[in-house]
C-alpha atoms as a PDB file:
ATOM      1  CA  MET A   1     -14.113  53.802 -30.693  1.00  0.00           C
ATOM      2  CA  ALA A   2     -17.659  53.744 -28.687  1.00  0.00           C
ATOM      3  CA  ASN A   3     -17.841  50.124 -29.201  1.00  0.00           C
ATOM      4  CA  HIS A   4     -13.837  50.216 -27.837  1.00  0.00           C
ATOM      5  CA  LEU A   5     -14.566  52.212 -25.033  1.00  0.00           C
ATOM      6  CA  ASP A   6     -17.295  50.190 -23.890  1.00  0.00           C
ATOM      7  CA  LEU A   7     -15.501  46.870 -24.272  1.00  0.00           C
ATOM      8  CA  GLU A   8     -13.140  48.367 -21.482  1.00  0.00           C
ATOM      9  CA  GLU A   9     -15.141  49.603 -19.628  1.00  0.00           C
ATOM     10  CA  GLN A  10     -16.822  45.812 -19.564  1.00  0.00           C
ATOM     11  CA  GLU A  11     -13.462  44.472 -19.332  1.00  0.00           C
ATOM     12  CA  GLN A  12     -12.871  46.192 -15.744  1.00  0.00           C
ATOM     13  CA  LEU A  13     -16.338  45.683 -14.350  1.00  0.00           C
ATOM     14  CA  ASP A  14     -15.909  41.900 -14.907  1.00  0.00           C
ATOM     15  CA  GLN A  15     -12.414  42.478 -12.998  1.00  0.00           C
ATOM     16  CA  LEU A  16     -14.466  44.390 -10.487  1.00  0.00           C
ATOM     17  CA  LYS A  17     -17.052  41.494 -10.181  1.00  0.00           C
ATOM     18  CA  HIS A  18     -14.572  38.345  -9.866  1.00  0.00           C
ATOM     19  CA  PHE A  19     -12.466  40.749  -7.507  1.00  0.00           C
ATOM     20  CA  TRP A  20     -15.788  41.616  -5.114  1.00  0.00           C
ATOM     21  CA  ASN A  21     -16.749  37.735  -5.948  1.00  0.00           C
ATOM     22  CA  ARG A  22     -13.291  36.611  -4.420  1.00  0.00           C
ATOM     23  CA  TRP A  23     -12.807  38.934  -1.584  1.00  0.00           C
ATOM     24  CA  GLY A  24     -15.494  40.907  -0.773  1.00  0.00           C
ATOM     25  CA  THR A  25     -17.017  38.905   1.667  1.00  0.00           C
ATOM     26  CA  LEU A  26     -13.664  39.232   3.808  1.00  0.00           C
ATOM     27  CA  ILE A  27     -13.204  42.780   3.248  1.00  0.00           C
ATOM     28  CA  GLY A  28     -16.780  43.737   4.887  1.00  0.00           C
ATOM     29  CA  SER A  29     -16.017  41.314   7.844  1.00  0.00           C
ATOM     30  CA  VAL A  30     -12.479  43.104   8.230  1.00  0.00           C
ATOM     31  CA  LEU A  31     -14.779  46.547   8.340  1.00  0.00           C
ATOM     32  CA  VAL A  32     -16.998  45.062  10.244  1.00  0.00           C
ATOM     33  CA  LEU A  33     -14.483  44.103  12.945  1.00  0.00           C
ATOM     34  CA  VAL A  34     -12.550  47.655  12.832  1.00  0.00           C
ATOM     35  CA  ALA A  35     -16.019  49.394  13.207  1.00  0.00           C
ATOM     36  CA  GLY A  36     -16.670  46.872  16.345  1.00  0.00           C
ATOM     37  CA  SER A  37     -13.395  47.242  17.331  1.00  0.00           C
ATOM     38  CA  ALA A  38     -13.581  51.086  16.945  1.00  0.00           C
ATOM     39  CA  ALA A  39     -17.065  51.227  19.156  1.00  0.00           C
ATOM     40  CA  ALA A  40     -16.146  48.949  21.405  1.00  0.00           C
ATOM     41  CA  TRP A  41     -13.153  51.175  22.310  1.00  0.00           C
ATOM     42  CA  ASN A  42     -14.933  53.685  22.364  1.00  0.00           C
ATOM     43  CA  GLY A  43     -17.555  52.211  24.668  1.00  0.00           C
ATOM     44  CA  TYR A  44     -14.824  51.246  27.640  1.00  0.00           C
ATOM     45  CA  GLN A  45     -12.604  54.416  27.321  1.00  0.00           C
ATOM     46  CA  TYR A  46     -15.808  55.886  28.514  1.00  0.00           C
ATOM     47  CA  TRP A  47     -16.919  53.245  30.636  1.00  0.00           C
ATOM     48  CA  GLN A  48     -13.929  53.601  32.720  1.00  0.00           C
ATOM     49  CA  ASN A  49     -13.925  57.157  32.419  1.00  0.00           C
ATOM     50  CA  ARG A  50     -17.178  56.623  33.989  1.00  0.00           C
ATOM     51  CA  GLN A  51     -15.676  54.523  36.460  1.00  0.00           C
ATOM     52  CA  ALA A  52     -13.216  56.872  37.816  1.00  0.00           C
ATOM     53  CA  THR A  53     -15.630  59.914  38.134  1.00  0.00           C
ATOM     54  CA  GLN A  54     -17.935  58.157  40.146  1.00  0.00           C
ATOM     55  CA  ALA A  55     -15.376  56.346  42.022  1.00  0.00           C
ATOM     56  CA  ALA A  56     -13.506  60.092  42.770  1.00  0.00           C
ATOM     57  CA  ALA A  57     -16.870  61.455  43.805  1.00  0.00           C
ATOM     58  CA  LEU A  58     -17.254  58.534  46.508  1.00  0.00           C
ATOM     59  CA  PHE A  59     -13.643  59.079  47.437  1.00  0.00           C
ATOM     60  CA  ASP A  60     -14.259  62.807  48.235  1.00  0.00           C
ATOM     61  CA  ALA A  61     -17.063  62.049  50.189  1.00  0.00           C
ATOM     62  CA  LEU A  62     -15.044  60.192  52.071  1.00  0.00           C
ATOM     63  CA  ASP A  63     -12.428  62.974  52.626  1.00  0.00           C
ATOM     64  CA  ALA A  64     -14.834  64.918  54.011  1.00  0.00           C
ATOM     65  CA  ALA A  65     -15.829  62.444  56.207  1.00  0.00           C
ATOM     66  CA  ALA A  66     -12.717  62.203  57.572  1.00  0.00           C
ATOM     67  CA  ARG A  67     -12.332  65.540  57.936  1.00  0.00           C
ATOM     68  CA  THR A  68     -14.946  65.696  59.692  1.00  0.00           C
ATOM     69  CA  GLY A  69     -14.710  62.625  62.016  1.00  0.00           C
ATOM     70  CA  ASP A  70     -17.311  60.927  60.816  1.00  0.00           C
ATOM     71  CA  ARG A  71     -16.215  56.923  60.315  1.00  0.00           C
ATOM     72  CA  SER A  72     -19.632  55.838  59.901  1.00  0.00           C
ATOM     73  CA  ARG A  73     -19.396  58.058  56.753  1.00  0.00           C
ATOM     74  CA  MET A  74     -16.251  56.888  55.582  1.00  0.00           C
ATOM     75  CA  GLU A  75     -17.210  53.352  56.378  1.00  0.00           C
ATOM     76  CA  GLN A  76     -20.090  53.323  54.261  1.00  0.00           C
ATOM     77  CA  ALA A  77     -18.309  55.462  50.997  1.00  0.00           C
ATOM     78  CA  PHE A  78     -15.493  53.152  51.751  1.00  0.00           C
ATOM     79  CA  GLY A  79     -17.843  49.611  50.859  1.00  0.00           C
ATOM     80  CA  ASP A  80     -19.358  51.545  47.886  1.00  0.00           C
ATOM     81  CA  LEU A  81     -15.854  51.734  46.406  1.00  0.00           C
ATOM     82  CA  LYS A  82     -14.986  48.052  47.105  1.00  0.00           C
ATOM     83  CA  SER A  83     -18.287  47.024  46.005  1.00  0.00           C
ATOM     84  CA  LYS A  84     -18.852  48.837  43.068  1.00  0.00           C
ATOM     85  CA  TYR A  85     -15.108  50.537  41.624  1.00  0.00           C
ATOM     86  CA  PRO A  86     -13.123  47.712  43.272  1.00  0.00           C
ATOM     87  CA  GLY A  87     -10.360  47.992  40.585  1.00  0.00           C
ATOM     88  CA  THR A  88     -10.060  52.104  41.173  1.00  0.00           C
ATOM     89  CA  ALA A  89      -7.414  53.827  42.679  1.00  0.00           C
ATOM     90  CA  GLN A  90      -9.263  55.530  44.769  1.00  0.00           C
ATOM     91  CA  ALA A  91     -10.923  52.467  46.579  1.00  0.00           C
ATOM     92  CA  GLY A  92      -7.130  51.586  47.376  1.00  0.00           C
ATOM     93  CA  GLN A  93      -6.666  55.479  48.327  1.00  0.00           C
ATOM     94  CA  ALA A  94      -9.804  55.377  50.273  1.00  0.00           C
ATOM     95  CA  GLY A  95      -8.546  51.681  52.299  1.00  0.00           C
ATOM     96  CA  LEU A  96      -5.637  53.960  53.196  1.00  0.00           C
ATOM     97  CA  ALA A  97      -7.387  56.664  54.453  1.00  0.00           C
ATOM     98  CA  LEU A  98      -9.672  54.807  56.787  1.00  0.00           C
ATOM     99  CA  ALA A  99      -7.437  52.501  58.088  1.00  0.00           C
ATOM    100  CA  LYS A 100      -5.402  56.124  59.422  1.00  0.00           C
ATOM    101  CA  ALA A 101      -8.810  57.355  60.909  1.00  0.00           C
ATOM    102  CA  MET A 102      -8.916  53.907  62.547  1.00  0.00           C
ATOM    103  CA  GLN A 103      -5.845  53.937  63.939  1.00  0.00           C
ATOM    104  CA  ASP A 104      -6.060  57.227  65.160  1.00  0.00           C
ATOM    105  CA  ALA A 105      -9.287  56.080  67.070  1.00  0.00           C
ATOM    106  CA  GLY A 106      -7.620  52.880  68.582  1.00  0.00           C
ATOM    107  CA  ASN A 107      -9.411  50.658  66.166  1.00  0.00           C
ATOM    108  CA  ALA A 108      -6.949  48.719  65.804  1.00  0.00           C
ATOM    109  CA  ASP A 109      -8.977  45.378  64.454  1.00  0.00           C
ATOM    110  CA  GLY A 110     -10.523  48.249  61.953  1.00  0.00           C
ATOM    111  CA  ALA A 111      -7.361  49.284  60.361  1.00  0.00           C
ATOM    112  CA  LYS A 112      -6.154  46.058  60.336  1.00  0.00           C
ATOM    113  CA  GLN A 113      -9.447  45.119  57.837  1.00  0.00           C
ATOM    114  CA  ALA A 114      -9.085  48.069  55.588  1.00  0.00           C
ATOM    115  CA  LEU A 115      -5.718  47.581  55.248  1.00  0.00           C
ATOM    116  CA  GLY A 116      -5.697  43.926  54.577  1.00  0.00           C
ATOM    117  CA  TRP A 117      -7.905  45.151  51.306  1.00  0.00           C
ATOM    118  CA  VAL A 118      -5.895  47.157  50.149  1.00  0.00           C
ATOM    119  CA  ALA A 119      -3.057  44.912  50.666  1.00  0.00           C
ATOM    120  CA  GLN A 120      -4.621  41.797  48.296  1.00  0.00           C
ATOM    121  CA  GLN A 121      -7.370  43.539  46.357  1.00  0.00           C
ATOM    122  CA  SER A 122      -5.773  47.162  45.155  1.00  0.00           C
ATOM    123  CA  THR A 123      -4.270  47.012  41.455  1.00  0.00           C
ATOM    124  CA  ASP A 124      -1.789  49.612  42.098  1.00  0.00           C
ATOM    125  CA  GLU A 125       1.306  48.451  43.337  1.00  0.00           C
ATOM    126  CA  GLY A 126       2.335  51.146  45.085  1.00  0.00           C
ATOM    127  CA  LEU A 127      -0.732  51.171  47.257  1.00  0.00           C
ATOM    128  CA  LYS A 128      -0.252  47.595  48.242  1.00  0.00           C
ATOM    129  CA  ALA A 129       2.885  47.687  49.194  1.00  0.00           C
ATOM    130  CA  LEU A 130       2.193  50.547  51.243  1.00  0.00           C
ATOM    131  CA  ALA A 131      -0.950  48.833  53.050  1.00  0.00           C
ATOM    132  CA  ARG A 132       1.234  46.064  53.506  1.00  0.00           C
ATOM    133  CA  LEU A 133       3.938  48.246  55.595  1.00  0.00           C
ATOM    134  CA  ARG A 134       1.235  49.655  57.003  1.00  0.00           C
ATOM    135  CA  LEU A 135      -0.114  46.050  58.163  1.00  0.00           C
ATOM    136  CA  SER A 136       2.993  45.426  59.527  1.00  0.00           C
ATOM    137  CA  GLY A 137       3.048  47.984  61.653  1.00  0.00           C
ATOM    138  CA  VAL A 138      -0.101  47.474  63.370  1.00  0.00           C
ATOM    139  CA  LEU A 139       0.570  43.497  63.758  1.00  0.00           C
ATOM    140  CA  MET A 140       3.632  45.117  65.548  1.00  0.00           C
ATOM    141  CA  ASP A 141       2.150  47.179  67.802  1.00  0.00           C
ATOM    142  CA  GLN A 142      -0.199  44.058  68.844  1.00  0.00           C
ATOM    143  CA  LYS A 143       3.022  41.750  68.990  1.00  0.00           C
ATOM    144  CA  THR A 144       1.913  39.484  66.273  1.00  0.00           C
ATOM    145  CA  HIS A 145       5.744  39.214  65.083  1.00  0.00           C
ATOM    146  CA  GLU A 146       5.744  36.843  62.747  1.00  0.00           C
ATOM    147  CA  GLU A 147       2.342  37.782  61.807  1.00  0.00           C
ATOM    148  CA  ALA A 148       4.273  41.172  60.990  1.00  0.00           C
ATOM    149  CA  LEU A 149       7.334  39.585  59.173  1.00  0.00           C
ATOM    150  CA  GLU A 150       4.931  37.656  56.890  1.00  0.00           C
ATOM    151  CA  GLN A 151       3.182  41.134  55.658  1.00  0.00           C
ATOM    152  CA  LEU A 152       7.017  42.000  54.624  1.00  0.00           C
ATOM    153  CA  SER A 153       7.885  38.287  52.493  1.00  0.00           C
ATOM    154  CA  GLY A 154       6.875  38.300  49.453  1.00  0.00           C
ATOM    155  CA  SER A 155       7.936  40.755  46.354  1.00  0.00           C
ATOM    156  CA  PHE A 156       7.956  44.718  46.713  1.00  0.00           C
ATOM    157  CA  PRO A 157       8.671  47.612  44.357  1.00  0.00           C
ATOM    158  CA  PRO A 158      12.593  48.064  44.645  1.00  0.00           C
ATOM    159  CA  GLU A 159      11.767  51.225  45.589  1.00  0.00           C
ATOM    160  CA  PHE A 160       9.973  50.544  48.953  1.00  0.00           C
ATOM    161  CA  ALA A 161      12.907  47.925  49.536  1.00  0.00           C
ATOM    162  CA  PRO A 162      14.784  50.232  52.253  1.00  0.00           C
ATOM    163  CA  LEU A 163      11.544  50.598  53.938  1.00  0.00           C
ATOM    164  CA  VAL A 164      10.777  47.176  53.910  1.00  0.00           C
ATOM    165  CA  ALA A 165      14.359  46.432  55.088  1.00  0.00           C
ATOM    166  CA  ASP A 166      13.549  48.823  58.258  1.00  0.00           C
ATOM    167  CA  ARG A 167      10.923  47.397  59.164  1.00  0.00           C
ATOM    168  CA  ARG A 168      11.810  44.348  59.587  1.00  0.00           C
ATOM    169  CA  GLY A 169      14.878  45.670  61.354  1.00  0.00           C
ATOM    170  CA  ASP A 170      11.846  47.032  63.857  1.00  0.00           C
ATOM    171  CA  ILE A 171      10.520  43.850  64.272  1.00  0.00           C
ATOM    172  CA  LEU A 172      13.642  42.362  65.325  1.00  0.00           C
ATOM    173  CA  VAL A 173      14.382  43.961  68.002  1.00  0.00           C
ATOM    174  CA  LEU A 174      11.537  43.923  69.447  1.00  0.00           C
ATOM    175  CA  GLN A 175      11.713  39.699  68.983  1.00  0.00           C
ATOM    176  CA  GLU A 176      15.972  40.269  70.452  1.00  0.00           C
ATOM    177  CA  LYS A 177      16.918  39.244  67.253  1.00  0.00           C
ATOM    178  CA  ARG A 178      20.305  41.850  67.276  1.00  0.00           C
ATOM    179  CA  PRO A 179      22.917  40.347  64.232  1.00  0.00           C
ATOM    180  CA  GLN A 180      19.597  40.098  62.138  1.00  0.00           C
ATOM    181  CA  ALA A 181      18.403  43.229  63.089  1.00  0.00           C
ATOM    182  CA  ILE A 182      21.631  45.007  62.215  1.00  0.00           C
ATOM    183  CA  ALA A 183      21.915  43.223  59.022  1.00  0.00           C
ATOM    184  CA  GLU A 184      18.414  44.646  57.931  1.00  0.00           C
ATOM    185  CA  TYR A 185      19.181  48.221  59.205  1.00  0.00           C
ATOM    186  CA  THR A 186      22.145  48.347  56.904  1.00  0.00           C
ATOM    187  CA  LYS A 187      20.170  46.827  54.030  1.00  0.00           C
ATOM    188  CA  ALA A 188      17.941  50.532  54.974  1.00  0.00           C
ATOM    189  CA  TYR A 189      20.945  52.540  55.451  1.00  0.00           C
ATOM    190  CA  GLN A 190      22.378  51.480  51.850  1.00  0.00           C
ATOM    191  CA  GLY A 191      19.124  51.754  50.032  1.00  0.00           C
ATOM    192  CA  PHE A 192      18.578  55.290  51.030  1.00  0.00           C
ATOM    193  CA  GLU A 193      20.694  58.557  49.196  1.00  0.00           C
ATOM    194  CA  GLU A 194      23.267  60.093  50.994  1.00  0.00           C
ATOM    195  CA  GLY A 195      21.806  63.194  52.873  1.00  0.00           C
ATOM    196  CA  ALA A 196      18.147  61.247  53.031  1.00  0.00           C
ATOM    197  CA  GLU A 197      16.678  62.324  56.358  1.00  0.00           C
ATOM    198  CA  TYR A 198      15.513  58.401  56.572  1.00  0.00           C
ATOM    199  CA  ARG A 199      18.763  57.670  56.503  1.00  0.00           C
ATOM    200  CA  HIS A 200      19.481  60.010  59.604  1.00  0.00           C
ATOM    201  CA  LEU A 201      16.674  57.414  61.026  1.00  0.00           C
ATOM    202  CA  ILE A 202      18.745  54.478  59.964  1.00  0.00           C
ATOM    203  CA  GLU A 203      21.560  55.693  61.302  1.00  0.00           C
ATOM    204  CA  PHE A 204      20.418  56.250  64.888  1.00  0.00           C
ATOM    205  CA  LYS A 205      19.025  52.514  65.294  1.00  0.00           C
ATOM    206  CA  LEU A 206      22.101  51.118  64.262  1.00  0.00           C
ATOM    207  CA  ASN A 207      24.063  53.105  66.866  1.00  0.00           C
ATOM    208  CA  ALA A 208      21.591  52.232  69.612  1.00  0.00           C
ATOM    209  CA  LEU A 209      22.724  48.845  68.677  1.00  0.00           C
ATOM    210  CA  GLY A 210      25.841  49.530  69.019  1.00  0.00           C
ATOM    211  CA  VAL A 211      27.275  49.159  65.287  1.00  0.00           C
ATOM    212  CA  ALA A 212      28.908  52.333  63.325  1.00  0.00           C
ATOM    213  CA  PRO A 213      26.892  52.467  60.250  1.00  0.00           C
ATOM    214  CA  GLN A 214      29.773  53.014  57.611  1.00  0.00           C
ATOM    215  CA  ALA A 215      31.366  49.424  59.545  1.00  0.00           C
ATOM    216  CA  ALA A 216      28.302  47.954  59.358  1.00  0.00           C
ATOM    217  CA  VAL A 217      27.952  48.395  55.718  1.00  0.00           C
ATOM    218  CA  VAL A 218      31.687  47.444  55.453  1.00  0.00           C
ATOM    219  CA  ALA A 219      31.367  44.095  57.047  1.00  0.00           C
ATOM    220  CA  ALA A 220      27.890  43.426  54.535  1.00  0.00           C
ATOM    221  CA  ALA A 221      29.843  43.792  52.078  1.00  0.00           C
ATOM    222  CA  ALA A 222      32.431  41.050  53.378  1.00  0.00           C
ATOM    223  CA  SER A 223      30.371  39.160  54.445  1.00  0.00           C
ATOM    224  CA  SER A 224      28.777  39.115  50.747  1.00  0.00           C
ATOM    225  CA  ALA A 225      32.048  38.494  48.934  1.00  0.00           C
ATOM    226  CA  GLU A 226      32.487  35.043  51.321  1.00  0.00           C
ATOM    227  CA  THR A 227      29.111  33.873  50.307  1.00  0.00           C
ATOM    228  CA  LYS A 228      30.222  34.264  46.269  1.00  0.00           C
END
């Protein structure tokens, strides 16, 4: 009986050796890969959290400087965010905050630089869109209308579409392109929900151009149907 068990155990051991000789290297490699991936993921998570924490501290410093009107410290904090943590949301938010402070101080060129960086480098599509909108406004105030319109070309997140159309309308009015301005304002009017406060502003702009919003919407629908 003992010999039978010994033979059975030996057979199992031989099978295990054969299995390990055949698959051991692969299994070992997979285990190393899994362990390495887990370590890499944990390391990446730690790095991300550390980046976010340090970026948040710099943004808090910029925010505090903004409240005291210390633009030099704001620029320094933004510079550190751009160079060390450009991929964080705080970098984009800091650019927008600095641009506002620059505009309030009458430094349009400084505002343009900050907004231009956010528009091109931010990893947040919403912040990029907001920067482009605000940059178009600065350029519009400087009467560089074509450059302002360029900032509004290309794709935007859908929720920004009415705001973009409204800004285009403003620029086109300044260029004395009344029909095109009416078309853009109509798009903006249609893009806002009924009762929205901003929609009343668009209505006022259309009225100033001698157009009733509902009539403009009907005319736009008719024009769209004709082109189809």
